[in-house]
Structures are given as structure tokens and as C-alpha cells.
Amino acid sequence: MRTKVEVLSELQTMLRDLLAAAAAGGGRARIARAHGYVDGYMRAILDLGIAEQAELLQLVAAERERASGPAIRVVDPSSGDIAAA
């Protein structure tokens, strides 16, 4: 059985690959397939209770920031409101 750290590390690698392929202008089919793998992996993580949704959102946000730079606006995930800058 894999540990939580191992599972989240694998997800992080999958996200990095997906974002790199999208940034490089990879083929739509490859990117769509990668999205499907990531979505399914995240669903399994949630269904098995390995991590909470908020943890996954933080991980995805961190990987997006690493790949594309910081967000222009900060959104409160609990309410959806745009936070004051």
C-alpha cells in the first residue's frame, strides 16, 4: 500500500506532465487523455479518503503557479469571492 505522500507525489508528477504538455502545445488528444488520468486519479484519492478536496486544490494551484507564474487574483475557495489584493 502506498503512503499519502507517495500518492500526492505521483499526482504532482502527473500534473507537471500535463501542464508541460499543454504549455508546449502538445496534441489535443494527448492533453485530453492526460486530463482524464489526472481527474480519475484525483477522484480515487477523494473516494478513498486519502486527501480532502482542499488539499488537492492547493496542490493543483501550486503546480499551476509553478508552471505559469502567480495568479492575477486570489479567490477564496470556500465562498468563491475574489480576495482584496
PDB file of N, CA and C in Angstrom:
ATOM      1  N   MET A   1       0.836  -1.181   0.000  1.00  0.00           N
ATOM      2  CA  MET A   1       0.000   0.000   0.000  1.00  0.00           C
ATOM      3  C   MET A   1       0.877   1.240   0.000  1.00  0.00           C
ATOM      4  N   ARG A   2       0.518   2.205  -0.783  1.00  0.00           N
ATOM      5  CA  ARG A   2       1.281   3.431  -0.906  1.00  0.00           C
ATOM      6  C   ARG A   2       0.866   4.429   0.164  1.00  0.00           C
ATOM      7  N   THR A   3       1.809   5.240   0.581  1.00  0.00           N
ATOM      8  CA  THR A   3       1.524   6.252   1.590  1.00  0.00           C
ATOM      9  C   THR A   3       0.877   7.470   0.932  1.00  0.00           C
ATOM     10  N   LYS A   4       0.304   8.317   1.758  1.00  0.00           N
ATOM     11  CA  LYS A   4      -0.318   9.545   1.272  1.00  0.00           C
ATOM     12  C   LYS A   4       0.718  10.399   0.539  1.00  0.00           C
ATOM     13  N   VAL A   5       1.907  10.487   1.087  1.00  0.00           N
ATOM     14  CA  VAL A   5       2.965  11.288   0.468  1.00  0.00           C
ATOM     15  C   VAL A   5       3.294  10.755  -0.924  1.00  0.00           C
ATOM     16  N   GLU A   6       3.376   9.444  -1.065  1.00  0.00           N
ATOM     17  CA  GLU A   6       3.673   8.837  -2.363  1.00  0.00           C
ATOM     18  C   GLU A   6       2.559   9.104  -3.378  1.00  0.00           C
ATOM     19  N   VAL A   7       1.320   8.988  -2.925  1.00  0.00           N
ATOM     20  CA  VAL A   7       0.173   9.201  -3.813  1.00  0.00           C
ATOM     21  C   VAL A   7       0.130  10.654  -4.277  1.00  0.00           C
ATOM     22  N   LEU A   8       0.320  11.589  -3.364  1.00  0.00           N
ATOM     23  CA  LEU A   8       0.283  13.004  -3.733  1.00  0.00           C
ATOM     24  C   LEU A   8       1.488  13.382  -4.595  1.00  0.00           C
ATOM     25  N   SER A   9       2.614  12.737  -4.372  1.00  0.00           N
ATOM     26  CA  SER A   9       3.790  12.974  -5.211  1.00  0.00           C
ATOM     27  C   SER A   9       3.532  12.491  -6.635  1.00  0.00           C
ATOM     28  N   GLU A  10       2.888  11.355  -6.776  1.00  0.00           N
ATOM     29  CA  GLU A  10       2.528  10.834  -8.096  1.00  0.00           C
ATOM     30  C   GLU A  10       1.560  11.789  -8.800  1.00  0.00           C
ATOM     31  N   LEU A  11       0.590  12.303  -8.068  1.00  0.00           N
ATOM     32  CA  LEU A  11      -0.350  13.275  -8.638  1.00  0.00           C
ATOM     33  C   LEU A  11       0.389  14.527  -9.080  1.00  0.00           C
ATOM     34  N   GLN A  12       1.316  14.979  -8.282  1.00  0.00           N
ATOM     35  CA  GLN A  12       2.104  16.164  -8.608  1.00  0.00           C
ATOM     36  C   GLN A  12       2.880  15.944  -9.920  1.00  0.00           C
ATOM     37  N   THR A  13       3.457  14.785 -10.076  1.00  0.00           N
ATOM     38  CA  THR A  13       4.183  14.458 -11.305  1.00  0.00           C
ATOM     39  C   THR A  13       3.239  14.444 -12.500  1.00  0.00           C
ATOM     40  N   MET A  14       2.054  13.867 -12.322  1.00  0.00           N
ATOM     41  CA  MET A  14       1.071  13.824 -13.397  1.00  0.00           C
ATOM     42  C   MET A  14       0.651  15.234 -13.800  1.00  0.00           C
ATOM     43  N   LEU A  15       0.434  16.106 -12.810  1.00  0.00           N
ATOM     44  CA  LEU A  15       0.048  17.487 -13.090  1.00  0.00           C
ATOM     45  C   LEU A  15       1.159  18.228 -13.820  1.00  0.00           C
ATOM     46  N   ARG A  16       2.409  18.024 -13.394  1.00  0.00           N
ATOM     47  CA  ARG A  16       3.542  18.677 -14.066  1.00  0.00           C
ATOM     48  C   ARG A  16       3.620  18.257 -15.522  1.00  0.00           C
ATOM     49  N   ASP A  17       3.449  16.970 -15.777  1.00  0.00           N
ATOM     50  CA  ASP A  17       3.478  16.468 -17.156  1.00  0.00           C
ATOM     51  C   ASP A  17       2.344  17.070 -17.983  1.00  0.00           C
ATOM     52  N   LEU A  18       1.160  17.129 -17.411  1.00  0.00           N
ATOM     53  CA  LEU A  18       0.004  17.686 -18.097  1.00  0.00           C
ATOM     54  C   LEU A  18       0.226  19.156 -18.424  1.00  0.00           C
ATOM     55  N   LEU A  19       0.650  19.939 -17.450  1.00  0.00           N
ATOM     56  CA  LEU A  19       0.843  21.369 -17.662  1.00  0.00           C
ATOM     57  C   LEU A  19       1.986  21.638 -18.639  1.00  0.00           C
ATOM     58  N   ALA A  20       3.026  20.828 -18.590  1.00  0.00           N
ATOM     59  CA  ALA A  20       4.136  20.983 -19.532  1.00  0.00           C
ATOM     60  C   ALA A  20       3.684  20.678 -20.958  1.00  0.00           C
ATOM     61  N   ALA A  21       2.882  19.632 -21.122  1.00  0.00           N
ATOM     62  CA  ALA A  21       2.374  19.280 -22.447  1.00  0.00           C
ATOM     63  C   ALA A  21       1.464  20.371 -22.991  1.00  0.00           C
ATOM     64  N   ALA A  22       0.622  20.928 -22.136  1.00  0.00           N
ATOM     65  CA  ALA A  22      -0.276  21.996 -22.565  1.00  0.00           C
ATOM     66  C   ALA A  22       0.518  23.249 -22.940  1.00  0.00           C
ATOM     67  N   ALA A  23       1.536  23.596 -22.148  1.00  0.00           N
ATOM     68  CA  ALA A  23       2.354  24.776 -22.426  1.00  0.00           C
ATOM     69  C   ALA A  23       3.165  24.611 -23.702  1.00  0.00           C
ATOM     70  N   ALA A  24       3.568  23.384 -23.997  1.00  0.00           N
ATOM     71  CA  ALA A  24       4.369  23.114 -25.188  1.00  0.00           C
ATOM     72  C   ALA A  24       3.507  22.995 -26.441  1.00  0.00           C
ATOM     73  N   GLY A  25       2.197  23.076 -26.265  1.00  0.00           N
ATOM     74  CA  GLY A  25       1.301  22.964 -27.408  1.00  0.00           C
ATOM     75  C   GLY A  25       1.160  21.543 -27.906  1.00  0.00           C
ATOM     76  N   GLY A  26       1.175  20.599 -26.972  1.00  0.00           N
ATOM     77  CA  GLY A  26       1.031  19.184 -27.334  1.00  0.00           C
ATOM     78  C   GLY A  26      -0.306  18.910 -28.008  1.00  0.00           C
ATOM     79  N   GLY A  27      -0.412  17.742 -28.582  1.00  0.00           N
ATOM     80  CA  GLY A  27      -1.636  17.364 -29.281  1.00  0.00           C
ATOM     81  C   GLY A  27      -2.842  17.335 -28.351  1.00  0.00           C
ATOM     82  N   ARG A  28      -3.976  17.717 -28.898  1.00  0.00           N
ATOM     83  CA  ARG A  28      -5.205  17.757 -28.088  1.00  0.00           C
ATOM     84  C   ARG A  28      -5.560  16.410 -27.491  1.00  0.00           C
ATOM     85  N   ALA A  29      -5.386  15.359 -28.260  1.00  0.00           N
ATOM     86  CA  ALA A  29      -5.738  14.019 -27.769  1.00  0.00           C
ATOM     87  C   ALA A  29      -4.863  13.643 -26.585  1.00  0.00           C
ATOM     88  N   ARG A  30      -3.575  13.934 -26.658  1.00  0.00           N
ATOM     89  CA  ARG A  30      -2.656  13.606 -25.561  1.00  0.00           C
ATOM     90  C   ARG A  30      -3.003  14.405 -24.312  1.00  0.00           C
ATOM     91  N   ILE A  31      -3.300  15.689 -24.498  1.00  0.00           N
ATOM     92  CA  ILE A  31      -3.642  16.535 -23.354  1.00  0.00           C
ATOM     93  C   ILE A  31      -4.973  16.107 -22.752  1.00  0.00           C
ATOM     94  N   ALA A  32      -5.951  15.789 -23.591  1.00  0.00           N
ATOM     95  CA  ALA A  32      -7.249  15.332 -23.094  1.00  0.00           C
ATOM     96  C   ALA A  32      -7.109  14.027 -22.315  1.00  0.00           C
ATOM     97  N   ARG A  33      -6.272  13.125 -22.818  1.00  0.00           N
ATOM     98  CA  ARG A  33      -6.032  11.857 -22.130  1.00  0.00           C
ATOM     99  C   ARG A  33      -5.370  12.109 -20.774  1.00  0.00           C
ATOM    100  N   ALA A  34      -4.398  13.007 -20.751  1.00  0.00           N
ATOM    101  CA  ALA A  34      -3.713  13.339 -19.502  1.00  0.00           C
ATOM    102  C   ALA A  34      -4.688  13.955 -18.504  1.00  0.00           C
ATOM    103  N   HIS A  35      -5.580  14.830 -18.983  1.00  0.00           N
ATOM    104  CA  HIS A  35      -6.610  15.406 -18.107  1.00  0.00           C
ATOM    105  C   HIS A  35      -7.469  14.304 -17.508  1.00  0.00           C
ATOM    106  N   GLY A  36      -7.841  13.342 -18.331  1.00  0.00           N
ATOM    107  CA  GLY A  36      -8.655  12.230 -17.849  1.00  0.00           C
ATOM    108  C   GLY A  36      -7.951  11.415 -16.775  1.00  0.00           C
ATOM    109  N   TYR A  37      -6.662  11.145 -16.982  1.00  0.00           N
ATOM    110  CA  TYR A  37      -5.894  10.404 -15.979  1.00  0.00           C
ATOM    111  C   TYR A  37      -5.816  11.171 -14.667  1.00  0.00           C
ATOM    112  N   VAL A  38      -5.525  12.462 -14.764  1.00  0.00           N
ATOM    113  CA  VAL A  38      -5.422  13.290 -13.556  1.00  0.00           C
ATOM    114  C   VAL A  38      -6.771  13.360 -12.840  1.00  0.00           C
ATOM    115  N   ASP A  39      -7.842  13.596 -13.604  1.00  0.00           N
ATOM    116  CA  ASP A  39      -9.176  13.669 -12.999  1.00  0.00           C
ATOM    117  C   ASP A  39      -9.535  12.367 -12.289  1.00  0.00           C
ATOM    118  N   GLY A  40      -9.271  11.249 -12.954  1.00  0.00           N
ATOM    119  CA  GLY A  40      -9.578   9.953 -12.360  1.00  0.00           C
ATOM    120  C   GLY A  40      -8.752   9.674 -11.120  1.00  0.00           C
ATOM    121  N   TYR A  41      -7.495  10.037 -11.173  1.00  0.00           N
ATOM    122  CA  TYR A  41      -6.609   9.826 -10.022  1.00  0.00           C
ATOM    123  C   TYR A  41      -7.081  10.663  -8.833  1.00  0.00           C
ATOM    124  N   MET A  42      -7.449  11.914  -9.119  1.00  0.00           N
ATOM    125  CA  MET A  42      -7.942  12.785  -8.041  1.00  0.00           C
ATOM    126  C   MET A  42      -9.261  12.255  -7.469  1.00  0.00           C
ATOM    127  N   ARG A  43     -10.130  11.762  -8.329  1.00  0.00           N
ATOM    128  CA  ARG A  43     -11.402  11.196  -7.864  1.00  0.00           C
ATOM    129  C   ARG A  43     -11.152  10.013  -6.943  1.00  0.00           C
ATOM    130  N   ALA A  44     -10.217   9.153  -7.321  1.00  0.00           N
ATOM    131  CA  ALA A  44      -9.888   7.993  -6.491  1.00  0.00           C
ATOM    132  C   ALA A  44      -9.304   8.437  -5.144  1.00  0.00           C
ATOM    133  N   ILE A  45      -8.455   9.443  -5.163  1.00  0.00           N
ATOM    134  CA  ILE A  45      -7.883   9.961  -3.915  1.00  0.00           C
ATOM    135  C   ILE A  45      -8.984  10.453  -2.989  1.00  0.00           C
ATOM    136  N   LEU A  46      -9.956  11.161  -3.553  1.00  0.00           N
ATOM    137  CA  LEU A  46     -11.074  11.656  -2.744  1.00  0.00           C
ATOM    138  C   LEU A  46     -11.955  10.506  -2.253  1.00  0.00           C
ATOM    139  N   ASP A  47     -12.295   9.582  -3.151  1.00  0.00           N
ATOM    140  CA  ASP A  47     -13.176   8.469  -2.789  1.00  0.00           C
ATOM    141  C   ASP A  47     -12.572   7.569  -1.715  1.00  0.00           C
ATOM    142  N   LEU A  48     -11.249   7.395  -1.766  1.00  0.00           N
ATOM    143  CA  LEU A  48     -10.576   6.546  -0.782  1.00  0.00           C
ATOM    144  C   LEU A  48     -10.260   7.282   0.520  1.00  0.00           C
ATOM    145  N   GLY A  49     -10.527   8.578   0.549  1.00  0.00           N
ATOM    146  CA  GLY A  49     -10.283   9.357   1.764  1.00  0.00           C
ATOM    147  C   GLY A  49      -8.805   9.615   2.036  1.00  0.00           C
ATOM    148  N   ILE A  50      -7.988   9.525   1.003  1.00  0.00           N
ATOM    149  CA  ILE A  50      -6.552   9.754   1.165  1.00  0.00           C
ATOM    150  C   ILE A  50      -6.279  11.227   1.421  1.00  0.00           C
ATOM    151  N   ALA A  51      -7.026  12.107   0.746  1.00  0.00           N
ATOM    152  CA  ALA A  51      -6.857  13.549   0.908  1.00  0.00           C
ATOM    153  C   ALA A  51      -8.210  14.219   0.777  1.00  0.00           C
ATOM    154  N   GLU A  52      -8.283  15.425   1.263  1.00  0.00           N
ATOM    155  CA  GLU A  52      -9.503  16.228   1.169  1.00  0.00           C
ATOM    156  C   GLU A  52      -9.435  17.096  -0.083  1.00  0.00           C
ATOM    157  N   GLN A  53     -10.587  17.573  -0.514  1.00  0.00           N
ATOM    158  CA  GLN A  53     -10.665  18.401  -1.709  1.00  0.00           C
ATOM    159  C   GLN A  53      -9.781  19.639  -1.588  1.00  0.00           C
ATOM    160  N   ALA A  54      -9.762  20.268  -0.424  1.00  0.00           N
ATOM    161  CA  ALA A  54      -8.958  21.472  -0.235  1.00  0.00           C
ATOM    162  C   ALA A  54      -7.470  21.199  -0.449  1.00  0.00           C
ATOM    163  N   GLU A  55      -7.003  20.035   0.001  1.00  0.00           N
ATOM    164  CA  GLU A  55      -5.595  19.666  -0.201  1.00  0.00           C
ATOM    165  C   GLU A  55      -5.273  19.528  -1.685  1.00  0.00           C
ATOM    166  N   LEU A  56      -6.182  18.904  -2.413  1.00  0.00           N
ATOM    167  CA  LEU A  56      -5.961  18.715  -3.845  1.00  0.00           C
ATOM    168  C   LEU A  56      -5.994  20.043  -4.584  1.00  0.00           C
ATOM    169  N   LEU A  57      -6.911  20.922  -4.186  1.00  0.00           N
ATOM    170  CA  LEU A  57      -6.971  22.241  -4.816  1.00  0.00           C
ATOM    171  C   LEU A  57      -5.682  23.022  -4.578  1.00  0.00           C
ATOM    172  N   GLN A  58      -5.131  22.921  -3.375  1.00  0.00           N
ATOM    173  CA  GLN A  58      -3.862  23.599  -3.078  1.00  0.00           C
ATOM    174  C   GLN A  58      -2.735  23.025  -3.926  1.00  0.00           C
ATOM    175  N   LEU A  59      -2.704  21.719  -4.078  1.00  0.00           N
ATOM    176  CA  LEU A  59      -1.660  21.071  -4.868  1.00  0.00           C
ATOM    177  C   LEU A  59      -1.757  21.505  -6.331  1.00  0.00           C
ATOM    178  N   VAL A  60      -2.969  21.516  -6.875  1.00  0.00           N
ATOM    179  CA  VAL A  60      -3.160  21.927  -8.270  1.00  0.00           C
ATOM    180  C   VAL A  60      -2.776  23.396  -8.441  1.00  0.00           C
ATOM    181  N   ALA A  61      -3.194  24.244  -7.520  1.00  0.00           N
ATOM    182  CA  ALA A  61      -2.856  25.671  -7.599  1.00  0.00           C
ATOM    183  C   ALA A  61      -1.349  25.886  -7.551  1.00  0.00           C
ATOM    184  N   ALA A  62      -0.669  25.152  -6.695  1.00  0.00           N
ATOM    185  CA  ALA A  62       0.786  25.279  -6.588  1.00  0.00           C
ATOM    186  C   ALA A  62       1.466  24.852  -7.879  1.00  0.00           C
ATOM    187  N   GLU A  63       0.997  23.776  -8.484  1.00  0.00           N
ATOM    188  CA  GLU A  63       1.594  23.305  -9.737  1.00  0.00           C
ATOM    189  C   GLU A  63       1.306  24.269 -10.883  1.00  0.00           C
ATOM    190  N   ARG A  64       0.103  24.822 -10.912  1.00  0.00           N
ATOM    191  CA  ARG A  64      -0.216  25.812 -11.950  1.00  0.00           C
ATOM    192  C   ARG A  64       0.654  27.055 -11.787  1.00  0.00           C
ATOM    193  N   GLU A  65       0.843  27.481 -10.534  1.00  0.00           N
ATOM    194  CA  GLU A  65       1.692  28.646 -10.281  1.00  0.00           C
ATOM    195  C   GLU A  65       3.137  28.354 -10.692  1.00  0.00           C
ATOM    196  N   ARG A  66       3.616  27.166 -10.402  1.00  0.00           N
ATOM    197  CA  ARG A  66       4.972  26.784 -10.778  1.00  0.00           C
ATOM    198  C   ARG A  66       5.131  26.801 -12.299  1.00  0.00           C
ATOM    199  N   ALA A  67       4.113  26.342 -13.001  1.00  0.00           N
ATOM    200  CA  ALA A  67       4.186  26.244 -14.459  1.00  0.00           C
ATOM    201  C   ALA A  67       3.925  27.568 -15.168  1.00  0.00           C
ATOM    202  N   SER A  68       3.009  28.381 -14.629  1.00  0.00           N
ATOM    203  CA  SER A  68       2.548  29.567 -15.353  1.00  0.00           C
ATOM    204  C   SER A  68       2.771  30.886 -14.628  1.00  0.00           C
ATOM    205  N   GLY A  69       3.345  30.833 -13.449  1.00  0.00           N
ATOM    206  CA  GLY A  69       3.509  32.054 -12.672  1.00  0.00           C
ATOM    207  C   GLY A  69       2.323  32.272 -11.752  1.00  0.00           C
ATOM    208  N   PRO A  70       2.416  33.297 -10.922  1.00  0.00           N
ATOM    209  CA  PRO A  70       1.362  33.525  -9.937  1.00  0.00           C
ATOM    210  C   PRO A  70       0.038  33.948 -10.580  1.00  0.00           C
ATOM    211  N   ALA A  71      -1.019  33.677  -9.874  1.00  0.00           N
ATOM    212  CA  ALA A  71      -2.354  34.063 -10.327  1.00  0.00           C
ATOM    213  C   ALA A  71      -2.486  35.584 -10.278  1.00  0.00           C
ATOM    214  N   ILE A  72      -3.362  36.103 -11.091  1.00  0.00           N
ATOM    215  CA  ILE A  72      -3.586  37.542 -11.103  1.00  0.00           C
ATOM    216  C   ILE A  72      -4.468  37.945  -9.928  1.00  0.00           C
ATOM    217  N   ARG A  73      -5.404  37.085  -9.572  1.00  0.00           N
ATOM    218  CA  ARG A  73      -6.311  37.351  -8.458  1.00  0.00           C
ATOM    219  C   ARG A  73      -6.345  36.143  -7.538  1.00  0.00           C
ATOM    220  N   VAL A  74      -6.650  36.391  -6.286  1.00  0.00           N
ATOM    221  CA  VAL A  74      -6.794  35.312  -5.318  1.00  0.00           C
ATOM    222  C   VAL A  74      -8.281  35.124  -5.067  1.00  0.00           C
ATOM    223  N   VAL A  75      -8.742  33.870  -5.176  1.00  0.00           N
ATOM    224  CA  VAL A  75     -10.141  33.548  -4.951  1.00  0.00           C
ATOM    225  C   VAL A  75     -10.248  32.697  -3.695  1.00  0.00           C
ATOM    226  N   ASP A  76     -11.187  33.084  -2.812  1.00  0.00           N
ATOM    227  CA  ASP A  76     -11.445  32.317  -1.603  1.00  0.00           C
ATOM    228  C   ASP A  76     -12.182  31.055  -2.006  1.00  0.00           C
ATOM    229  N   PRO A  77     -11.563  29.860  -1.825  1.00  0.00           N
ATOM    230  CA  PRO A  77     -12.190  28.626  -2.285  1.00  0.00           C
ATOM    231  C   PRO A  77     -13.501  28.289  -1.579  1.00  0.00           C
ATOM    232  N   SER A  78     -13.676  28.766  -0.357  1.00  0.00           N
ATOM    233  CA  SER A  78     -14.904  28.426   0.366  1.00  0.00           C
ATOM    234  C   SER A  78     -16.109  29.217  -0.115  1.00  0.00           C
ATOM    235  N   SER A  79     -15.881  30.471  -0.550  1.00  0.00           N
ATOM    236  CA  SER A  79     -17.012  31.291  -0.969  1.00  0.00           C
ATOM    237  C   SER A  79     -17.005  31.604  -2.460  1.00  0.00           C
ATOM    238  N   GLY A  80     -15.830  31.513  -3.089  1.00  0.00           N
ATOM    239  CA  GLY A  80     -15.724  31.871  -4.492  1.00  0.00           C
ATOM    240  C   GLY A  80     -15.519  33.356  -4.708  1.00  0.00           C
ATOM    241  N   ASP A  81     -15.433  34.130  -3.616  1.00  0.00           N
ATOM    242  CA  ASP A  81     -15.223  35.567  -3.712  1.00  0.00           C
ATOM    243  C   ASP A  81     -13.772  35.893  -4.054  1.00  0.00           C
ATOM    244  N   ILE A  82     -13.596  36.970  -4.780  1.00  0.00           N
ATOM    245  CA  ILE A  82     -12.251  37.437  -5.107  1.00  0.00           C
ATOM    246  C   ILE A  82     -11.742  38.223  -3.906  1.00  0.00           C
ATOM    247  N   ALA A  83     -10.580  37.810  -3.393  1.00  0.00           N
ATOM    248  CA  ALA A  83      -9.995  38.474  -2.219  1.00  0.00           C
ATOM    249  C   ALA A  83      -9.381  39.804  -2.631  1.00  0.00           C
ATOM    250  N   ALA A  84      -9.397  40.745  -1.710  1.00  0.00           N
ATOM    251  CA  ALA A  84      -8.776  42.055  -1.961  1.00  0.00           C
ATOM    252  C   ALA A  84      -7.265  41.893  -2.061  1.00  0.00           C
ATOM    253  N   ALA A  85      -6.691  42.580  -3.010  1.00  0.00           N
ATOM    254  CA  ALA A  85      -5.232  42.476  -3.227  1.00  0.00           C
ATOM    255  C   ALA A  85      -4.458  43.389  -2.319  1.00  0.00           C
TER     256      ALA A  85
END
